[in-house]
mmCIF file of all heavy atoms, coordinates in Angstrom:
data_MODEL
# 
_entry.id   MODEL 
# 
loop_
_atom_site.group_PDB 
_atom_site.id 
_atom_site.type_symbol 
_atom_site.label_atom_id 
_atom_site.label_alt_id 
_atom_site.label_comp_id 
_atom_site.label_asym_id 
_atom_site.label_entity_id 
_atom_site.label_seq_id 
_atom_site.pdbx_PDB_ins_code 
_atom_site.Cartn_x 
_atom_site.Cartn_y 
_atom_site.Cartn_z 
_atom_site.occupancy 
_atom_site.B_iso_or_equiv 
_atom_site.pdbx_formal_charge 
_atom_site.auth_seq_id 
_atom_site.auth_comp_id 
_atom_site.auth_asym_id 
_atom_site.auth_atom_id 
_atom_site.pdbx_PDB_model_num 
ATOM 1   N N   . VAL A 1 1  ? 12.226  2.241   -12.570 1.00 0.00 ? 1  VAL A N   1 
ATOM 2   C CA  . VAL A 1 1  ? 11.468  3.064   -13.500 1.00 0.00 ? 1  VAL A CA  1 
ATOM 3   C C   . VAL A 1 1  ? 12.289  4.299   -13.846 1.00 0.00 ? 1  VAL A C   1 
ATOM 4   O O   . VAL A 1 1  ? 13.086  4.773   -13.033 1.00 0.00 ? 1  VAL A O   1 
ATOM 5   C CB  . VAL A 1 1  ? 10.098  3.451   -12.905 1.00 0.00 ? 1  VAL A CB  1 
ATOM 6   C CG1 . VAL A 1 1  ? 10.275  4.339   -11.680 1.00 0.00 ? 1  VAL A CG1 1 
ATOM 7   C CG2 . VAL A 1 1  ? 9.220   4.123   -13.942 1.00 0.00 ? 1  VAL A CG2 1 
ATOM 8   N N   . GLN A 1 2  ? 12.111  4.818   -15.058 1.00 0.00 ? 2  GLN A N   1 
ATOM 9   C CA  . GLN A 1 2  ? 12.806  6.018   -15.476 1.00 0.00 ? 2  GLN A CA  1 
ATOM 10  C C   . GLN A 1 2  ? 12.166  7.263   -14.871 1.00 0.00 ? 2  GLN A C   1 
ATOM 11  O O   . GLN A 1 2  ? 10.978  7.261   -14.545 1.00 0.00 ? 2  GLN A O   1 
ATOM 12  C CB  . GLN A 1 2  ? 12.800  6.134   -17.000 1.00 0.00 ? 2  GLN A CB  1 
ATOM 13  C CG  . GLN A 1 2  ? 13.591  5.047   -17.708 1.00 0.00 ? 2  GLN A CG  1 
ATOM 14  C CD  . GLN A 1 2  ? 13.654  5.264   -19.205 1.00 0.00 ? 2  GLN A CD  1 
ATOM 15  O OE1 . GLN A 1 2  ? 13.086  6.214   -19.738 1.00 0.00 ? 2  GLN A OE1 1 
ATOM 16  N NE2 . GLN A 1 2  ? 14.352  4.380   -19.891 1.00 0.00 ? 2  GLN A NE2 1 
ATOM 17  N N   . PRO A 1 3  ? 12.935  8.337   -14.701 1.00 0.00 ? 3  PRO A N   1 
ATOM 18  C CA  . PRO A 1 3  ? 12.339  9.591   -14.231 1.00 0.00 ? 3  PRO A CA  1 
ATOM 19  C C   . PRO A 1 3  ? 11.160  9.998   -15.097 1.00 0.00 ? 3  PRO A C   1 
ATOM 20  O O   . PRO A 1 3  ? 11.211  9.906   -16.325 1.00 0.00 ? 3  PRO A O   1 
ATOM 21  C CB  . PRO A 1 3  ? 13.492  10.586  -14.336 1.00 0.00 ? 3  PRO A CB  1 
ATOM 22  C CG  . PRO A 1 3  ? 14.720  9.751   -14.204 1.00 0.00 ? 3  PRO A CG  1 
ATOM 23  C CD  . PRO A 1 3  ? 14.392  8.451   -14.899 1.00 0.00 ? 3  PRO A CD  1 
ATOM 24  N N   . GLY A 1 4  ? 10.101  10.453  -14.444 1.00 0.00 ? 4  GLY A N   1 
ATOM 25  C CA  . GLY A 1 4  ? 8.876   10.804  -15.135 1.00 0.00 ? 4  GLY A CA  1 
ATOM 26  C C   . GLY A 1 4  ? 7.902   9.660   -15.300 1.00 0.00 ? 4  GLY A C   1 
ATOM 27  O O   . GLY A 1 4  ? 6.752   9.887   -15.699 1.00 0.00 ? 4  GLY A O   1 
ATOM 28  N N   . GLY A 1 5  ? 8.327   8.457   -14.984 1.00 0.00 ? 5  GLY A N   1 
ATOM 29  C CA  . GLY A 1 5  ? 7.481   7.291   -15.116 1.00 0.00 ? 5  GLY A CA  1 
ATOM 30  C C   . GLY A 1 5  ? 6.582   7.080   -13.918 1.00 0.00 ? 5  GLY A C   1 
ATOM 31  O O   . GLY A 1 5  ? 6.526   7.895   -12.999 1.00 0.00 ? 5  GLY A O   1 
ATOM 32  N N   . SER A 1 6  ? 5.874   5.950   -13.928 1.00 0.00 ? 6  SER A N   1 
ATOM 33  C CA  . SER A 1 6  ? 4.886   5.644   -12.897 1.00 0.00 ? 6  SER A CA  1 
ATOM 34  C C   . SER A 1 6  ? 5.046   4.225   -12.384 1.00 0.00 ? 6  SER A C   1 
ATOM 35  O O   . SER A 1 6  ? 5.506   3.333   -13.102 1.00 0.00 ? 6  SER A O   1 
ATOM 36  C CB  . SER A 1 6  ? 3.463   5.804   -13.446 1.00 0.00 ? 6  SER A CB  1 
ATOM 37  O OG  . SER A 1 6  ? 3.208   7.131   -13.869 1.00 0.00 ? 6  SER A OG  1 
ATOM 38  N N   . LEU A 1 7  ? 4.662   4.032   -11.142 1.00 0.00 ? 7  LEU A N   1 
ATOM 39  C CA  . LEU A 1 7  ? 4.575   2.721   -10.521 1.00 0.00 ? 7  LEU A CA  1 
ATOM 40  C C   . LEU A 1 7  ? 3.366   2.695   -9.606  1.00 0.00 ? 7  LEU A C   1 
ATOM 41  O O   . LEU A 1 7  ? 2.969   3.728   -9.066  1.00 0.00 ? 7  LEU A O   1 
ATOM 42  C CB  . LEU A 1 7  ? 5.824   2.388   -9.697  1.00 0.00 ? 7  LEU A CB  1 
ATOM 43  C CG  . LEU A 1 7  ? 7.086   1.939   -10.415 1.00 0.00 ? 7  LEU A CG  1 
ATOM 44  C CD1 . LEU A 1 7  ? 8.214   1.797   -9.397  1.00 0.00 ? 7  LEU A CD1 1 
ATOM 45  C CD2 . LEU A 1 7  ? 6.863   0.629   -11.148 1.00 0.00 ? 7  LEU A CD2 1 
ATOM 46  N N   . ARG A 1 8  ? 2.797   1.518   -9.423  1.00 0.00 ? 8  ARG A N   1 
ATOM 47  C CA  . ARG A 1 8  ? 1.727   1.320   -8.461  1.00 0.00 ? 8  ARG A CA  1 
ATOM 48  C C   . ARG A 1 8  ? 2.171   0.270   -7.446  1.00 0.00 ? 8  ARG A C   1 
ATOM 49  O O   . ARG A 1 8  ? 2.469   -0.868  -7.812  1.00 0.00 ? 8  ARG A O   1 
ATOM 50  C CB  . ARG A 1 8  ? 0.433   0.872   -9.135  1.00 0.00 ? 8  ARG A CB  1 
ATOM 51  C CG  . ARG A 1 8  ? -0.710  0.611   -8.139  1.00 0.00 ? 8  ARG A CG  1 
ATOM 52  C CD  . ARG A 1 8  ? -1.970  0.098   -8.824  1.00 0.00 ? 8  ARG A CD  1 
ATOM 53  N NE  . ARG A 1 8  ? -2.628  1.154   -9.585  1.00 0.00 ? 8  ARG A NE  1 
ATOM 54  C CZ  . ARG A 1 8  ? -3.568  1.962   -9.088  1.00 0.00 ? 8  ARG A CZ  1 
ATOM 55  N NH1 . ARG A 1 8  ? -3.955  1.847   -7.821  1.00 0.00 ? 8  ARG A NH1 1 
ATOM 56  N NH2 . ARG A 1 8  ? -4.120  2.886   -9.866  1.00 0.00 ? 8  ARG A NH2 1 
ATOM 57  N N   . LEU A 1 9  ? 2.203   0.667   -6.186  1.00 0.00 ? 9  LEU A N   1 
ATOM 58  C CA  . LEU A 1 9  ? 2.510   -0.244  -5.098  1.00 0.00 ? 9  LEU A CA  1 
ATOM 59  C C   . LEU A 1 9  ? 1.222   -0.755  -4.475  1.00 0.00 ? 9  LEU A C   1 
ATOM 60  O O   . LEU A 1 9  ? 0.236   -0.024  -4.375  1.00 0.00 ? 9  LEU A O   1 
ATOM 61  C CB  . LEU A 1 9  ? 3.349   0.438   -4.021  1.00 0.00 ? 9  LEU A CB  1 
ATOM 62  C CG  . LEU A 1 9  ? 4.651   1.103   -4.465  1.00 0.00 ? 9  LEU A CG  1 
ATOM 63  C CD1 . LEU A 1 9  ? 5.375   1.674   -3.248  1.00 0.00 ? 9  LEU A CD1 1 
ATOM 64  C CD2 . LEU A 1 9  ? 5.536   0.118   -5.216  1.00 0.00 ? 9  LEU A CD2 1 
ATOM 65  N N   . SER A 1 10 ? 1.243   -2.012  -4.050  1.00 0.00 ? 10 SER A N   1 
ATOM 66  C CA  . SER A 1 10 ? 0.095   -2.604  -3.393  1.00 0.00 ? 10 SER A CA  1 
ATOM 67  C C   . SER A 1 10 ? 0.520   -3.234  -2.077  1.00 0.00 ? 10 SER A C   1 
ATOM 68  O O   . SER A 1 10 ? 1.622   -3.754  -1.957  1.00 0.00 ? 10 SER A O   1 
ATOM 69  C CB  . SER A 1 10 ? -0.564  -3.669  -4.280  1.00 0.00 ? 10 SER A CB  1 
ATOM 70  O OG  . SER A 1 10 ? -1.123  -3.094  -5.443  1.00 0.00 ? 10 SER A OG  1 
ATOM 71  N N   . CYS A 1 11 ? -0.364  -3.185  -1.109  1.00 0.00 ? 11 CYS A N   1 
ATOM 72  C CA  . CYS A 1 11 ? -0.132  -3.780  0.198   1.00 0.00 ? 11 CYS A CA  1 
ATOM 73  C C   . CYS A 1 11 ? -1.336  -4.640  0.543   1.00 0.00 ? 11 CYS A C   1 
ATOM 74  O O   . CYS A 1 11 ? -2.454  -4.128  0.649   1.00 0.00 ? 11 CYS A O   1 
ATOM 75  C CB  . CYS A 1 11 ? 0.073   -2.692  1.253   1.00 0.00 ? 11 CYS A CB  1 
ATOM 76  S SG  . CYS A 1 11 ? 0.189   -3.307  2.949   1.00 0.00 ? 11 CYS A SG  1 
ATOM 77  N N   . ALA A 1 12 ? -1.103  -5.920  0.700   1.00 0.00 ? 12 ALA A N   1 
ATOM 78  C CA  . ALA A 1 12 ? -2.153  -6.852  1.068   1.00 0.00 ? 12 ALA A CA  1 
ATOM 79  C C   . ALA A 1 12 ? -2.126  -7.072  2.570   1.00 0.00 ? 12 ALA A C   1 
ATOM 80  O O   . ALA A 1 12 ? -1.096  -7.452  3.127   1.00 0.00 ? 12 ALA A O   1 
ATOM 81  C CB  . ALA A 1 12 ? -1.977  -8.170  0.329   1.00 0.00 ? 12 ALA A CB  1 
ATOM 82  N N   . ALA A 1 13 ? -3.244  -6.822  3.219   1.00 0.00 ? 13 ALA A N   1 
ATOM 83  C CA  . ALA A 1 13 ? -3.360  -6.951  4.665   1.00 0.00 ? 13 ALA A CA  1 
ATOM 84  C C   . ALA A 1 13 ? -4.191  -8.169  5.017   1.00 0.00 ? 13 ALA A C   1 
ATOM 85  O O   . ALA A 1 13 ? -5.208  -8.449  4.378   1.00 0.00 ? 13 ALA A O   1 
ATOM 86  C CB  . ALA A 1 13 ? -3.982  -5.700  5.277   1.00 0.00 ? 13 ALA A CB  1 
ATOM 87  N N   . SER A 1 14 ? -3.774  -8.874  6.046   1.00 0.00 ? 14 SER A N   1 
ATOM 88  C CA  . SER A 1 14 ? -4.523  -10.007 6.542   1.00 0.00 ? 14 SER A CA  1 
ATOM 89  C C   . SER A 1 14 ? -4.418  -10.054 8.057   1.00 0.00 ? 14 SER A C   1 
ATOM 90  O O   . SER A 1 14 ? -3.545  -9.430  8.656   1.00 0.00 ? 14 SER A O   1 
ATOM 91  C CB  . SER A 1 14 ? -4.023  -11.318 5.928   1.00 0.00 ? 14 SER A CB  1 
ATOM 92  O OG  . SER A 1 14 ? -2.665  -11.551 6.263   1.00 0.00 ? 14 SER A OG  1 
ATOM 93  N N   . GLY A 1 15 ? -5.309  -10.813 8.665   1.00 0.00 ? 15 GLY A N   1 
ATOM 94  C CA  . GLY A 1 15 ? -5.340  -10.903 10.109  1.00 0.00 ? 15 GLY A CA  1 
ATOM 95  C C   . GLY A 1 15 ? -6.679  -10.434 10.647  1.00 0.00 ? 15 GLY A C   1 
ATOM 96  O O   . GLY A 1 15 ? -7.681  -10.427 9.940   1.00 0.00 ? 15 GLY A O   1 
ATOM 97  N N   . SER A 1 16 ? -6.684  -10.023 11.900  1.00 0.00 ? 16 SER A N   1 
ATOM 98  C CA  . SER A 1 16 ? -7.920  -9.636  12.558  1.00 0.00 ? 16 SER A CA  1 
ATOM 99  C C   . SER A 1 16 ? -8.282  -8.198  12.237  1.00 0.00 ? 16 SER A C   1 
ATOM 100 O O   . SER A 1 16 ? -7.529  -7.271  12.541  1.00 0.00 ? 16 SER A O   1 
ATOM 101 C CB  . SER A 1 16 ? -7.801  -9.827  14.072  1.00 0.00 ? 16 SER A CB  1 
ATOM 102 O OG  . SER A 1 16 ? -6.715  -9.075  14.600  1.00 0.00 ? 16 SER A OG  1 
ATOM 103 N N   . ASN A 1 17 ? -9.432  -8.021  11.622  1.00 0.00 ? 17 ASN A N   1 
ATOM 104 C CA  . ASN A 1 17 ? -10.008 -6.710  11.329  1.00 0.00 ? 17 ASN A CA  1 
ATOM 105 C C   . ASN A 1 17 ? -9.022  -5.727  10.715  1.00 0.00 ? 17 ASN A C   1 
ATOM 106 O O   . ASN A 1 17 ? -8.863  -4.610  11.210  1.00 0.00 ? 17 ASN A O   1 
ATOM 107 C CB  . ASN A 1 17 ? -10.603 -6.105  12.609  1.00 0.00 ? 17 ASN A CB  1 
ATOM 108 C CG  . ASN A 1 17 ? -11.698 -6.943  13.211  1.00 0.00 ? 17 ASN A CG  1 
ATOM 109 O OD1 . ASN A 1 17 ? -12.571 -7.434  12.499  1.00 0.00 ? 17 ASN A OD1 1 
ATOM 110 N ND2 . ASN A 1 17 ? -11.662 -7.109  14.525  1.00 0.00 ? 17 ASN A ND2 1 
ATOM 111 N N   . PRO A 1 18 ? -8.356  -6.097  9.617   1.00 0.00 ? 18 PRO A N   1 
ATOM 112 C CA  . PRO A 1 18 ? -7.382  -5.160  9.027   1.00 0.00 ? 18 PRO A CA  1 
ATOM 113 C C   . PRO A 1 18 ? -8.016  -3.869  8.538   1.00 0.00 ? 18 PRO A C   1 
ATOM 114 O O   . PRO A 1 18 ? -7.341  -2.845  8.490   1.00 0.00 ? 18 PRO A O   1 
ATOM 115 C CB  . PRO A 1 18 ? -6.770  -5.961  7.877   1.00 0.00 ? 18 PRO A CB  1 
ATOM 116 C CG  . PRO A 1 18 ? -7.800  -6.986  7.536   1.00 0.00 ? 18 PRO A CG  1 
ATOM 117 C CD  . PRO A 1 18 ? -8.458  -7.340  8.841   1.00 0.00 ? 18 PRO A CD  1 
ATOM 118 N N   . SER A 1 19 ? -9.291  -3.873  8.172   1.00 0.00 ? 19 SER A N   1 
ATOM 119 C CA  . SER A 1 19 ? -9.938  -2.675  7.657   1.00 0.00 ? 19 SER A CA  1 
ATOM 120 C C   . SER A 1 19 ? -10.187 -1.625  8.728   1.00 0.00 ? 19 SER A C   1 
ATOM 121 O O   . SER A 1 19 ? -10.543 -0.494  8.394   1.00 0.00 ? 19 SER A O   1 
ATOM 122 C CB  . SER A 1 19 ? -11.260 -3.040  6.979   1.00 0.00 ? 19 SER A CB  1 
ATOM 123 O OG  . SER A 1 19 ? -12.162 -3.630  7.896   1.00 0.00 ? 19 SER A OG  1 
ATOM 124 N N   . SER A 1 20 ? -10.010 -1.955  9.994   1.00 0.00 ? 20 SER A N   1 
ATOM 125 C CA  . SER A 1 20 ? -10.239 -1.001  11.074  1.00 0.00 ? 20 SER A CA  1 
ATOM 126 C C   . SER A 1 20 ? -9.032  -0.113  11.358  1.00 0.00 ? 20 SER A C   1 
ATOM 127 O O   . SER A 1 20 ? -9.122  0.778   12.199  1.00 0.00 ? 20 SER A O   1 
ATOM 128 C CB  . SER A 1 20 ? -10.639 -1.739  12.346  1.00 0.00 ? 20 SER A CB  1 
ATOM 129 O OG  . SER A 1 20 ? -9.570  -2.512  12.857  1.00 0.00 ? 20 SER A OG  1 
ATOM 130 N N   . TYR A 1 21 ? -7.927  -0.323  10.683  1.00 0.00 ? 21 TYR A N   1 
ATOM 131 C CA  . TYR A 1 21 ? -6.695  0.419   10.936  1.00 0.00 ? 21 TYR A CA  1 
ATOM 132 C C   . TYR A 1 21 ? -6.525  1.584   9.973   1.00 0.00 ? 21 TYR A C   1 
ATOM 133 O O   . TYR A 1 21 ? -7.040  1.576   8.857   1.00 0.00 ? 21 TYR A O   1 
ATOM 134 C CB  . TYR A 1 21 ? -5.486  -0.511  10.807  1.00 0.00 ? 21 TYR A CB  1 
ATOM 135 C CG  . TYR A 1 21 ? -5.380  -1.546  11.899  1.00 0.00 ? 21 TYR A CG  1 
ATOM 136 C CD1 . TYR A 1 21 ? -6.062  -2.747  11.811  1.00 0.00 ? 21 TYR A CD1 1 
ATOM 137 C CD2 . TYR A 1 21 ? -4.577  -1.318  13.012  1.00 0.00 ? 21 TYR A CD2 1 
ATOM 138 C CE1 . TYR A 1 21 ? -5.963  -3.696  12.806  1.00 0.00 ? 21 TYR A CE1 1 
ATOM 139 C CE2 . TYR A 1 21 ? -4.470  -2.267  14.009  1.00 0.00 ? 21 TYR A CE2 1 
ATOM 140 C CZ  . TYR A 1 21 ? -5.160  -3.454  13.904  1.00 0.00 ? 21 TYR A CZ  1 
ATOM 141 O OH  . TYR A 1 21 ? -5.046  -4.399  14.896  1.00 0.00 ? 21 TYR A OH  1 
ATOM 142 N N   . ILE A 1 22 ? -5.775  2.581   10.430  1.00 0.00 ? 22 ILE A N   1 
ATOM 143 C CA  . ILE A 1 22 ? -5.258  3.595   9.522   1.00 0.00 ? 22 ILE A CA  1 
ATOM 144 C C   . ILE A 1 22 ? -4.114  2.967   8.735   1.00 0.00 ? 22 ILE A C   1 
ATOM 145 O O   . ILE A 1 22 ? -3.222  2.348   9.319   1.00 0.00 ? 22 ILE A O   1 
ATOM 146 C CB  . ILE A 1 22 ? -4.772  4.825   10.299  1.00 0.00 ? 22 ILE A CB  1 
ATOM 147 C CG1 . ILE A 1 22 ? -5.939  5.462   11.048  1.00 0.00 ? 22 ILE A CG1 1 
ATOM 148 C CG2 . ILE A 1 22 ? -4.107  5.831   9.374   1.00 0.00 ? 22 ILE A CG2 1 
ATOM 149 C CD1 . ILE A 1 22 ? -5.520  6.550   12.020  1.00 0.00 ? 22 ILE A CD1 1 
ATOM 150 N N   . MET A 1 23 ? -4.145  3.118   7.425   1.00 0.00 ? 23 MET A N   1 
ATOM 151 C CA  . MET A 1 23 ? -3.149  2.518   6.552   1.00 0.00 ? 23 MET A CA  1 
ATOM 152 C C   . MET A 1 23 ? -2.273  3.601   5.944   1.00 0.00 ? 23 MET A C   1 
ATOM 153 O O   . MET A 1 23 ? -2.710  4.724   5.731   1.00 0.00 ? 23 MET A O   1 
ATOM 154 C CB  . MET A 1 23 ? -3.814  1.717   5.436   1.00 0.00 ? 23 MET A CB  1 
ATOM 155 C CG  . MET A 1 23 ? -4.778  0.650   5.918   1.00 0.00 ? 23 MET A CG  1 
ATOM 156 S SD  . MET A 1 23 ? -3.937  -0.714  6.775   1.00 0.00 ? 23 MET A SD  1 
ATOM 157 C CE  . MET A 1 23 ? -2.938  -1.382  5.445   1.00 0.00 ? 23 MET A CE  1 
ATOM 158 N N   . GLY A 1 24 ? -1.028  3.229   5.644   1.00 0.00 ? 24 GLY A N   1 
ATOM 159 C CA  . GLY A 1 24 ? -0.155  4.217   5.054   1.00 0.00 ? 24 GLY A CA  1 
ATOM 160 C C   . GLY A 1 24 ? 1.080   3.623   4.423   1.00 0.00 ? 24 GLY A C   1 
ATOM 161 O O   . GLY A 1 24 ? 1.368   2.433   4.557   1.00 0.00 ? 24 GLY A O   1 
ATOM 162 N N   . TRP A 1 25 ? 1.784   4.487   3.710   1.00 0.00 ? 25 TRP A N   1 
ATOM 163 C CA  . TRP A 1 25 ? 3.050   4.152   3.094   1.00 0.00 ? 25 TRP A CA  1 
ATOM 164 C C   . TRP A 1 25 ? 4.140   5.060   3.652   1.00 0.00 ? 25 TRP A C   1 
ATOM 165 O O   . TRP A 1 25 ? 3.936   6.273   3.773   1.00 0.00 ? 25 TRP A O   1 
ATOM 166 C CB  . TRP A 1 25 ? 2.993   4.296   1.570   1.00 0.00 ? 25 TRP A CB  1 
ATOM 167 C CG  . TRP A 1 25 ? 2.173   3.239   0.902   1.00 0.00 ? 25 TRP A CG  1 
ATOM 168 C CD1 . TRP A 1 25 ? 0.861   3.302   0.571   1.00 0.00 ? 25 TRP A CD1 1 
ATOM 169 C CD2 . TRP A 1 25 ? 2.634   1.958   0.477   1.00 0.00 ? 25 TRP A CD2 1 
ATOM 170 N NE1 . TRP A 1 25 ? 0.465   2.139   -0.033  1.00 0.00 ? 25 TRP A NE1 1 
ATOM 171 C CE2 . TRP A 1 25 ? 1.529   1.295   -0.102  1.00 0.00 ? 25 TRP A CE2 1 
ATOM 172 C CE3 . TRP A 1 25 ? 3.860   1.305   0.535   1.00 0.00 ? 25 TRP A CE3 1 
ATOM 173 C CZ2 . TRP A 1 25 ? 1.629   0.009   -0.627  1.00 0.00 ? 25 TRP A CZ2 1 
ATOM 174 C CZ3 . TRP A 1 25 ? 3.954   0.023   0.015   1.00 0.00 ? 25 TRP A CZ3 1 
ATOM 175 C CH2 . TRP A 1 25 ? 2.850   -0.606  -0.559  1.00 0.00 ? 25 TRP A CH2 1 
ATOM 176 N N   . TYR A 1 26 ? 5.265   4.468   3.971   1.00 0.00 ? 26 TYR A N   1 
ATOM 177 C CA  . TYR A 1 26 ? 6.442   5.169   4.443   1.00 0.00 ? 26 TYR A CA  1 
ATOM 178 C C   . TYR A 1 26 ? 7.622   4.740   3.585   1.00 0.00 ? 26 TYR A C   1 
ATOM 179 O O   . TYR A 1 26 ? 7.581   3.696   2.943   1.00 0.00 ? 26 TYR A O   1 
ATOM 180 C CB  . TYR A 1 26 ? 6.709   4.854   5.920   1.00 0.00 ? 26 TYR A CB  1 
ATOM 181 C CG  . TYR A 1 26 ? 5.608   5.321   6.854   1.00 0.00 ? 26 TYR A CG  1 
ATOM 182 C CD1 . TYR A 1 26 ? 4.365   4.690   6.866   1.00 0.00 ? 26 TYR A CD1 1 
ATOM 183 C CD2 . TYR A 1 26 ? 5.816   6.393   7.714   1.00 0.00 ? 26 TYR A CD2 1 
ATOM 184 C CE1 . TYR A 1 26 ? 3.355   5.122   7.707   1.00 0.00 ? 26 TYR A CE1 1 
ATOM 185 C CE2 . TYR A 1 26 ? 4.810   6.826   8.568   1.00 0.00 ? 26 TYR A CE2 1 
ATOM 186 C CZ  . TYR A 1 26 ? 3.588   6.189   8.557   1.00 0.00 ? 26 TYR A CZ  1 
ATOM 187 O OH  . TYR A 1 26 ? 2.594   6.619   9.397   1.00 0.00 ? 26 TYR A OH  1 
# 
């Protein structure tokens, strides 16, 4: 992407109780 532009990242979680975790991007 060019400077000043935008992107949307997505992370799909699967497995046991993924919604119970703290989620983040590094």
